[in-house]
């Protein structure tokens, strides 16, 4: 959410798995409870 370079590194891993395929679902489940 706050580090563009780190975000790009993680997104590169995701898109490498996806290739040119679509993503049927994105489930934003992660959360913290302080």
ModelCIF file with pLDDT and N, C-alpha, C, O atoms, coordinates in Angstrom:
data_MODEL
#
_entry.id   MODEL 
#
_entity.id                         1 
_entity.type                       polymer 
_entity.pdbx_number_of_molecules   1 
#
_entity_poly.entity_id                      1 
_entity_poly.type                           'polypeptide(L)' 
_entity_poly.nstd_linkage                   no 
_entity_poly.nstd_monomer                   no 
_entity_poly.pdbx_seq_one_letter_code       
;(UNK)(UNK)(UNK)(UNK)(UNK)(UNK)(UNK)(UNK)(UNK)(UNK)(UNK)(UNK)(UNK)(UNK)(UNK)(UNK)
(UNK)(UNK)(UNK)(UNK)(UNK)(UNK)(UNK)(UNK)(UNK)(UNK)(UNK)(UNK)(UNK)(UNK)(UNK)(UNK)
(UNK)(UNK)
;
_entity_poly.pdbx_seq_one_letter_code_can   XXXXXXXXXXXXXXXXXXXXXXXXXXXXXXXXXX 
_entity_poly.pdbx_strand_id                 A 
#
loop_
_entity_poly_seq.entity_id 
_entity_poly_seq.num 
_entity_poly_seq.mon_id 
_entity_poly_seq.hetero 
1 1  UNK n 
1 2  UNK n 
1 3  UNK n 
1 4  UNK n 
1 5  UNK n 
1 6  UNK n 
1 7  UNK n 
1 8  UNK n 
1 9  UNK n 
1 10 UNK n 
1 11 UNK n 
1 12 UNK n 
1 13 UNK n 
1 14 UNK n 
1 15 UNK n 
1 16 UNK n 
1 17 UNK n 
1 18 UNK n 
1 19 UNK n 
1 20 UNK n 
1 21 UNK n 
1 22 UNK n 
1 23 UNK n 
1 24 UNK n 
1 25 UNK n 
1 26 UNK n 
1 27 UNK n 
1 28 UNK n 
1 29 UNK n 
1 30 UNK n 
1 31 UNK n 
1 32 UNK n 
1 33 UNK n 
1 34 UNK n 
#
_struct_asym.id          A 
_struct_asym.entity_id   1 
#
loop_
_ma_qa_metric.id 
_ma_qa_metric.mode 
_ma_qa_metric.name 
_ma_qa_metric.software_group_id 
_ma_qa_metric.type 
1 global pLDDT . pLDDT 
2 local  pLDDT . pLDDT 
#
_ma_qa_metric_global.metric_id      1 
_ma_qa_metric_global.metric_value   97.26 
_ma_qa_metric_global.model_id       1 
_ma_qa_metric_global.ordinal_id     1 
#
loop_
_ma_qa_metric_local.label_asym_id 
_ma_qa_metric_local.label_comp_id 
_ma_qa_metric_local.label_seq_id 
_ma_qa_metric_local.metric_id 
_ma_qa_metric_local.metric_value 
_ma_qa_metric_local.model_id 
_ma_qa_metric_local.ordinal_id 
A UNK 1  2 98.00 1 1  
A UNK 2  2 96.00 1 2  
A UNK 3  2 98.00 1 3  
A UNK 4  2 97.00 1 4  
A UNK 5  2 98.00 1 5  
A UNK 6  2 98.00 1 6  
A UNK 7  2 98.00 1 7  
A UNK 8  2 98.00 1 8  
A UNK 9  2 98.00 1 9  
A UNK 10 2 98.00 1 10 
A UNK 11 2 98.00 1 11 
A UNK 12 2 98.00 1 12 
A UNK 13 2 98.00 1 13 
A UNK 14 2 98.00 1 14 
A UNK 15 2 97.00 1 15 
A UNK 16 2 98.00 1 16 
A UNK 17 2 98.00 1 17 
A UNK 18 2 98.00 1 18 
A UNK 19 2 96.00 1 19 
A UNK 20 2 93.00 1 20 
A UNK 21 2 94.00 1 21 
A UNK 22 2 97.00 1 22 
A UNK 23 2 98.00 1 23 
A UNK 24 2 98.00 1 24 
A UNK 25 2 98.00 1 25 
A UNK 26 2 98.00 1 26 
A UNK 27 2 98.00 1 27 
A UNK 28 2 98.00 1 28 
A UNK 29 2 98.00 1 29 
A UNK 30 2 98.00 1 30 
A UNK 31 2 97.00 1 31 
A UNK 32 2 96.00 1 32 
A UNK 33 2 94.00 1 33 
A UNK 34 2 96.00 1 34 
#
loop_
_atom_site.group_PDB 
_atom_site.id 
_atom_site.type_symbol 
_atom_site.label_atom_id 
_atom_site.label_alt_id 
_atom_site.label_comp_id 
_atom_site.label_asym_id 
_atom_site.label_entity_id 
_atom_site.label_seq_id 
_atom_site.pdbx_PDB_ins_code 
_atom_site.Cartn_x 
_atom_site.Cartn_y 
_atom_site.Cartn_z 
_atom_site.occupancy 
_atom_site.B_iso_or_equiv 
_atom_site.pdbx_formal_charge 
_atom_site.auth_seq_id 
_atom_site.auth_comp_id 
_atom_site.auth_asym_id 
_atom_site.auth_atom_id 
_atom_site.pdbx_PDB_model_num 
ATOM 1   N N  . UNK A 1 1  ? 0.805   -1.216  0.000   1.00 98.00 ? 1  UNK A N  1 
ATOM 2   C CA . UNK A 1 1  ? 0.000   0.000   0.000   1.00 98.00 ? 1  UNK A CA 1 
ATOM 3   C C  . UNK A 1 1  ? 0.840   1.270   0.000   1.00 98.00 ? 1  UNK A C  1 
ATOM 4   O O  . UNK A 1 1  ? 0.373   2.314   -0.454  1.00 98.00 ? 1  UNK A O  1 
ATOM 5   N N  . UNK A 1 2  ? 2.077   1.199   0.503   1.00 96.00 ? 2  UNK A N  1 
ATOM 6   C CA . UNK A 1 2  ? 2.831   2.455   0.669   1.00 96.00 ? 2  UNK A CA 1 
ATOM 7   C C  . UNK A 1 2  ? 4.186   2.478   -0.019  1.00 96.00 ? 2  UNK A C  1 
ATOM 8   O O  . UNK A 1 2  ? 4.838   3.522   -0.044  1.00 96.00 ? 2  UNK A O  1 
ATOM 9   N N  . UNK A 1 3  ? 4.632   1.353   -0.582  1.00 98.00 ? 3  UNK A N  1 
ATOM 10  C CA . UNK A 1 3  ? 5.965   1.273   -1.180  1.00 98.00 ? 3  UNK A CA 1 
ATOM 11  C C  . UNK A 1 3  ? 5.820   0.842   -2.640  1.00 98.00 ? 3  UNK A C  1 
ATOM 12  O O  . UNK A 1 3  ? 5.568   -0.330  -2.920  1.00 98.00 ? 3  UNK A O  1 
ATOM 13  N N  . UNK A 1 4  ? 5.978   1.780   -3.563  1.00 97.00 ? 4  UNK A N  1 
ATOM 14  C CA . UNK A 1 4  ? 5.757   1.489   -4.980  1.00 97.00 ? 4  UNK A CA 1 
ATOM 15  C C  . UNK A 1 4  ? 6.687   0.406   -5.502  1.00 97.00 ? 4  UNK A C  1 
ATOM 16  O O  . UNK A 1 4  ? 6.251   -0.482  -6.235  1.00 97.00 ? 4  UNK A O  1 
ATOM 17  N N  . UNK A 1 5  ? 7.955   0.466   -5.137  1.00 98.00 ? 5  UNK A N  1 
ATOM 18  C CA . UNK A 1 5  ? 8.923   -0.509  -5.636  1.00 98.00 ? 5  UNK A CA 1 
ATOM 19  C C  . UNK A 1 5  ? 8.591   -1.912  -5.132  1.00 98.00 ? 5  UNK A C  1 
ATOM 20  O O  . UNK A 1 5  ? 8.603   -2.873  -5.900  1.00 98.00 ? 5  UNK A O  1 
ATOM 21  N N  . UNK A 1 6  ? 8.299   -2.022  -3.848  1.00 98.00 ? 6  UNK A N  1 
ATOM 22  C CA . UNK A 1 6  ? 7.932   -3.322  -3.275  1.00 98.00 ? 6  UNK A CA 1 
ATOM 23  C C  . UNK A 1 6  ? 6.653   -3.841  -3.927  1.00 98.00 ? 6  UNK A C  1 
ATOM 24  O O  . UNK A 1 6  ? 6.554   -5.025  -4.248  1.00 98.00 ? 6  UNK A O  1 
ATOM 25  N N  . UNK A 1 7  ? 5.672   -2.955  -4.123  1.00 98.00 ? 7  UNK A N  1 
ATOM 26  C CA . UNK A 1 7  ? 4.420   -3.360  -4.753  1.00 98.00 ? 7  UNK A CA 1 
ATOM 27  C C  . UNK A 1 7  ? 4.664   -3.913  -6.145  1.00 98.00 ? 7  UNK A C  1 
ATOM 28  O O  . UNK A 1 7  ? 4.068   -4.921  -6.524  1.00 98.00 ? 7  UNK A O  1 
ATOM 29  N N  . UNK A 1 8  ? 5.533   -3.266  -6.911  1.00 98.00 ? 8  UNK A N  1 
ATOM 30  C CA . UNK A 1 8  ? 5.833   -3.735  -8.260  1.00 98.00 ? 8  UNK A CA 1 
ATOM 31  C C  . UNK A 1 8  ? 6.498   -5.115  -8.241  1.00 98.00 ? 8  UNK A C  1 
ATOM 32  O O  . UNK A 1 8  ? 6.240   -5.946  -9.111  1.00 98.00 ? 8  UNK A O  1 
ATOM 33  N N  . UNK A 1 9  ? 7.347   -5.347  -7.252  1.00 98.00 ? 9  UNK A N  1 
ATOM 34  C CA . UNK A 1 9  ? 8.001   -6.654  -7.138  1.00 98.00 ? 9  UNK A CA 1 
ATOM 35  C C  . UNK A 1 9  ? 6.979   -7.764  -6.891  1.00 98.00 ? 9  UNK A C  1 
ATOM 36  O O  . UNK A 1 9  ? 7.052   -8.831  -7.501  1.00 98.00 ? 9  UNK A O  1 
ATOM 37  N N  . UNK A 1 10 ? 6.041   -7.508  -6.003  1.00 98.00 ? 10 UNK A N  1 
ATOM 38  C CA . UNK A 1 10 ? 5.022   -8.516  -5.701  1.00 98.00 ? 10 UNK A CA 1 
ATOM 39  C C  . UNK A 1 10 ? 4.073   -8.684  -6.877  1.00 98.00 ? 10 UNK A C  1 
ATOM 40  O O  . UNK A 1 10 ? 3.714   -9.808  -7.226  1.00 98.00 ? 10 UNK A O  1 
ATOM 41  N N  . UNK A 1 11 ? 3.665   -7.587  -7.487  1.00 98.00 ? 11 UNK A N  1 
ATOM 42  C CA . UNK A 1 11 ? 2.752   -7.668  -8.628  1.00 98.00 ? 11 UNK A CA 1 
ATOM 43  C C  . UNK A 1 11 ? 3.401   -8.357  -9.813  1.00 98.00 ? 11 UNK A C  1 
ATOM 44  O O  . UNK A 1 11 ? 2.712   -9.014  -10.594 1.00 98.00 ? 11 UNK A O  1 
ATOM 45  N N  . UNK A 1 12 ? 4.708   -8.223  -9.966  1.00 98.00 ? 12 UNK A N  1 
ATOM 46  C CA . UNK A 1 12 ? 5.413   -8.926  -11.040 1.00 98.00 ? 12 UNK A CA 1 
ATOM 47  C C  . UNK A 1 12 ? 5.324   -10.440 -10.848 1.00 98.00 ? 12 UNK A C  1 
ATOM 48  O O  . UNK A 1 12 ? 5.197   -11.191 -11.815 1.00 98.00 ? 12 UNK A O  1 
ATOM 49  N N  . UNK A 1 13 ? 5.390   -10.874 -9.599  1.00 98.00 ? 13 UNK A N  1 
ATOM 50  C CA . UNK A 1 13 ? 5.241   -12.304 -9.318  1.00 98.00 ? 13 UNK A CA 1 
ATOM 51  C C  . UNK A 1 13 ? 3.828   -12.773 -9.662  1.00 98.00 ? 13 UNK A C  1 
ATOM 52  O O  . UNK A 1 13 ? 3.648   -13.835 -10.257 1.00 98.00 ? 13 UNK A O  1 
ATOM 53  N N  . UNK A 1 14 ? 2.833   -11.979 -9.285  1.00 98.00 ? 14 UNK A N  1 
ATOM 54  C CA . UNK A 1 14 ? 1.444   -12.350 -9.568  1.00 98.00 ? 14 UNK A CA 1 
ATOM 55  C C  . UNK A 1 14 ? 1.211   -12.437 -11.073 1.00 98.00 ? 14 UNK A C  1 
ATOM 56  O O  . UNK A 1 14 ? 0.664   -13.424 -11.565 1.00 98.00 ? 14 UNK A O  1 
ATOM 57  N N  . UNK A 1 15 ? 1.623   -11.415 -11.791 1.00 97.00 ? 15 UNK A N  1 
ATOM 58  C CA . UNK A 1 15 ? 1.362   -11.384 -13.235 1.00 97.00 ? 15 UNK A CA 1 
ATOM 59  C C  . UNK A 1 15 ? 2.185   -12.438 -13.974 1.00 97.00 ? 15 UNK A C  1 
ATOM 60  O O  . UNK A 1 15 ? 1.791   -12.883 -15.052 1.00 97.00 ? 15 UNK A O  1 
ATOM 61  N N  . UNK A 1 16 ? 3.323   -12.839 -13.406 1.00 98.00 ? 16 UNK A N  1 
ATOM 62  C CA . UNK A 1 16 ? 4.092   -13.924 -14.021 1.00 98.00 ? 16 UNK A CA 1 
ATOM 63  C C  . UNK A 1 16 ? 3.305   -15.229 -13.962 1.00 98.00 ? 16 UNK A C  1 
ATOM 64  O O  . UNK A 1 16 ? 3.354   -16.026 -14.899 1.00 98.00 ? 16 UNK A O  1 
ATOM 65  N N  . UNK A 1 17 ? 2.585   -15.450 -12.875 1.00 98.00 ? 17 UNK A N  1 
ATOM 66  C CA . UNK A 1 17 ? 1.739   -16.645 -12.780 1.00 98.00 ? 17 UNK A CA 1 
ATOM 67  C C  . UNK A 1 17 ? 0.542   -16.542 -13.724 1.00 98.00 ? 17 UNK A C  1 
ATOM 68  O O  . UNK A 1 17 ? 0.152   -17.524 -14.355 1.00 98.00 ? 17 UNK A O  1 
ATOM 69  N N  . UNK A 1 18 ? -0.035  -15.349 -13.815 1.00 98.00 ? 18 UNK A N  1 
ATOM 70  C CA . UNK A 1 18 ? -1.229  -15.164 -14.654 1.00 98.00 ? 18 UNK A CA 1 
ATOM 71  C C  . UNK A 1 18 ? -0.894  -15.219 -16.145 1.00 98.00 ? 18 UNK A C  1 
ATOM 72  O O  . UNK A 1 18 ? -1.698  -15.699 -16.944 1.00 98.00 ? 18 UNK A O  1 
ATOM 73  N N  . UNK A 1 19 ? 0.286   -14.729 -16.520 1.00 96.00 ? 19 UNK A N  1 
ATOM 74  C CA . UNK A 1 19 ? 0.613   -14.648 -17.937 1.00 96.00 ? 19 UNK A CA 1 
ATOM 75  C C  . UNK A 1 19 ? -0.405  -13.768 -18.646 1.00 96.00 ? 19 UNK A C  1 
ATOM 76  O O  . UNK A 1 19 ? -0.709  -12.664 -18.195 1.00 96.00 ? 19 UNK A O  1 
ATOM 77  N N  . UNK A 1 20 ? -0.927  -14.268 -19.762 1.00 93.00 ? 20 UNK A N  1 
ATOM 78  C CA . UNK A 1 20 ? -1.954  -13.498 -20.485 1.00 93.00 ? 20 UNK A CA 1 
ATOM 79  C C  . UNK A 1 20 ? -3.360  -13.948 -20.121 1.00 93.00 ? 20 UNK A C  1 
ATOM 80  O O  . UNK A 1 20 ? -4.328  -13.586 -20.791 1.00 93.00 ? 20 UNK A O  1 
ATOM 81  N N  . UNK A 1 21 ? -3.473  -14.742 -19.053 1.00 94.00 ? 21 UNK A N  1 
ATOM 82  C CA . UNK A 1 21 ? -4.778  -15.259 -18.631 1.00 94.00 ? 21 UNK A CA 1 
ATOM 83  C C  . UNK A 1 21 ? -5.498  -14.231 -17.768 1.00 94.00 ? 21 UNK A C  1 
ATOM 84  O O  . UNK A 1 21 ? -4.877  -13.346 -17.179 1.00 94.00 ? 21 UNK A O  1 
ATOM 85  N N  . UNK A 1 22 ? -6.782  -14.361 -17.707 1.00 97.00 ? 22 UNK A N  1 
ATOM 86  C CA . UNK A 1 22 ? -7.579  -13.473 -16.880 1.00 97.00 ? 22 UNK A CA 1 
ATOM 87  C C  . UNK A 1 22 ? -7.605  -13.933 -15.431 1.00 97.00 ? 22 UNK A C  1 
ATOM 88  O O  . UNK A 1 22 ? -7.212  -15.052 -15.102 1.00 97.00 ? 22 UNK A O  1 
ATOM 89  N N  . UNK A 1 23 ? -8.078  -13.037 -14.579 1.00 98.00 ? 23 UNK A N  1 
ATOM 90  C CA . UNK A 1 23 ? -8.225  -13.327 -13.157 1.00 98.00 ? 23 UNK A CA 1 
ATOM 91  C C  . UNK A 1 23 ? -9.722  -13.346 -12.849 1.00 98.00 ? 23 UNK A C  1 
ATOM 92  O O  . UNK A 1 23 ? -10.389 -12.313 -12.907 1.00 98.00 ? 23 UNK A O  1 
ATOM 93  N N  . UNK A 1 24 ? -10.235 -14.516 -12.526 1.00 98.00 ? 24 UNK A N  1 
ATOM 94  C CA . UNK A 1 24 ? -11.673 -14.666 -12.289 1.00 98.00 ? 24 UNK A CA 1 
ATOM 95  C C  . UNK A 1 24 ? -12.106 -14.032 -10.970 1.00 98.00 ? 24 UNK A C  1 
ATOM 96  O O  . UNK A 1 24 ? -13.206 -13.488 -10.868 1.00 98.00 ? 24 UNK A O  1 
ATOM 97  N N  . UNK A 1 25 ? -11.244 -14.103 -9.969  1.00 98.00 ? 25 UNK A N  1 
ATOM 98  C CA . UNK A 1 25 ? -11.623 -13.548 -8.673  1.00 98.00 ? 25 UNK A CA 1 
ATOM 99  C C  . UNK A 1 25 ? -10.438 -12.968 -7.926  1.00 98.00 ? 25 UNK A C  1 
ATOM 100 O O  . UNK A 1 25 ? -9.361  -13.563 -7.892  1.00 98.00 ? 25 UNK A O  1 
ATOM 101 N N  . UNK A 1 26 ? -10.639 -11.812 -7.331  1.00 98.00 ? 26 UNK A N  1 
ATOM 102 C CA . UNK A 1 26 ? -9.685  -11.221 -6.392  1.00 98.00 ? 26 UNK A CA 1 
ATOM 103 C C  . UNK A 1 26 ? -10.402 -11.108 -5.062  1.00 98.00 ? 26 UNK A C  1 
ATOM 104 O O  . UNK A 1 26 ? -11.347 -10.330 -4.928  1.00 98.00 ? 26 UNK A O  1 
ATOM 105 N N  . UNK A 1 27 ? -9.963  -11.874 -4.081  1.00 98.00 ? 27 UNK A N  1 
ATOM 106 C CA . UNK A 1 27 ? -10.611 -11.877 -2.769  1.00 98.00 ? 27 UNK A CA 1 
ATOM 107 C C  . UNK A 1 27 ? -9.702  -11.159 -1.783  1.00 98.00 ? 27 UNK A C  1 
ATOM 108 O O  . UNK A 1 27 ? -8.676  -11.692 -1.360  1.00 98.00 ? 27 UNK A O  1 
ATOM 109 N N  . UNK A 1 28 ? -10.095 -9.944  -1.425  1.00 98.00 ? 28 UNK A N  1 
ATOM 110 C CA . UNK A 1 28 ? -9.338  -9.139  -0.465  1.00 98.00 ? 28 UNK A CA 1 
ATOM 111 C C  . UNK A 1 28 ? -9.779  -9.526  0.941   1.00 98.00 ? 28 UNK A C  1 
ATOM 112 O O  . UNK A 1 28 ? -10.693 -8.936  1.518   1.00 98.00 ? 28 UNK A O  1 
ATOM 113 N N  . UNK A 1 29 ? -9.104  -10.529 1.467   1.00 98.00 ? 29 UNK A N  1 
ATOM 114 C CA . UNK A 1 29 ? -9.484  -11.101 2.752   1.00 98.00 ? 29 UNK A CA 1 
ATOM 115 C C  . UNK A 1 29 ? -8.576  -10.649 3.896   1.00 98.00 ? 29 UNK A C  1 
ATOM 116 O O  . UNK A 1 29 ? -9.017  -10.588 5.044   1.00 98.00 ? 29 UNK A O  1 
ATOM 117 N N  . UNK A 1 30 ? -7.328  -10.335 3.602   1.00 98.00 ? 30 UNK A N  1 
ATOM 118 C CA . UNK A 1 30 ? -6.360  -10.003 4.650   1.00 98.00 ? 30 UNK A CA 1 
ATOM 119 C C  . UNK A 1 30 ? -6.791  -8.770  5.436   1.00 98.00 ? 30 UNK A C  1 
ATOM 120 O O  . UNK A 1 30 ? -7.307  -7.805  4.871   1.00 98.00 ? 30 UNK A O  1 
ATOM 121 N N  . UNK A 1 31 ? -6.570  -8.817  6.746   1.00 97.00 ? 31 UNK A N  1 
ATOM 122 C CA . UNK A 1 31 ? -6.897  -7.672  7.598   1.00 97.00 ? 31 UNK A CA 1 
ATOM 123 C C  . UNK A 1 31 ? -6.140  -7.799  8.911   1.00 97.00 ? 31 UNK A C  1 
ATOM 124 O O  . UNK A 1 31 ? -5.783  -8.894  9.344   1.00 97.00 ? 31 UNK A O  1 
ATOM 125 N N  . UNK A 1 32 ? -5.908  -6.656  9.525   1.00 96.00 ? 32 UNK A N  1 
ATOM 126 C CA . UNK A 1 32 ? -5.372  -6.661  10.887  1.00 96.00 ? 32 UNK A CA 1 
ATOM 127 C C  . UNK A 1 32 ? -6.392  -5.991  11.792  1.00 96.00 ? 32 UNK A C  1 
ATOM 128 O O  . UNK A 1 32 ? -7.168  -5.139  11.359  1.00 96.00 ? 32 UNK A O  1 
ATOM 129 N N  . UNK A 1 33 ? -6.376  -6.391  13.053  1.00 94.00 ? 33 UNK A N  1 
ATOM 130 C CA . UNK A 1 33 ? -7.344  -5.888  14.023  1.00 94.00 ? 33 UNK A CA 1 
ATOM 131 C C  . UNK A 1 33 ? -6.576  -5.396  15.242  1.00 94.00 ? 33 UNK A C  1 
ATOM 132 O O  . UNK A 1 33 ? -6.193  -6.182  16.109  1.00 94.00 ? 33 UNK A O  1 
ATOM 133 N N  . UNK A 1 34 ? -6.357  -4.098  15.297  1.00 96.00 ? 34 UNK A N  1 
ATOM 134 C CA . UNK A 1 34 ? -5.660  -3.486  16.428  1.00 96.00 ? 34 UNK A CA 1 
ATOM 135 C C  . UNK A 1 34 ? -6.712  -2.889  17.352  1.00 96.00 ? 34 UNK A C  1 
ATOM 136 O O  . UNK A 1 34 ? -6.370  -2.313  18.385  1.00 96.00 ? 34 UNK A O  1 
#
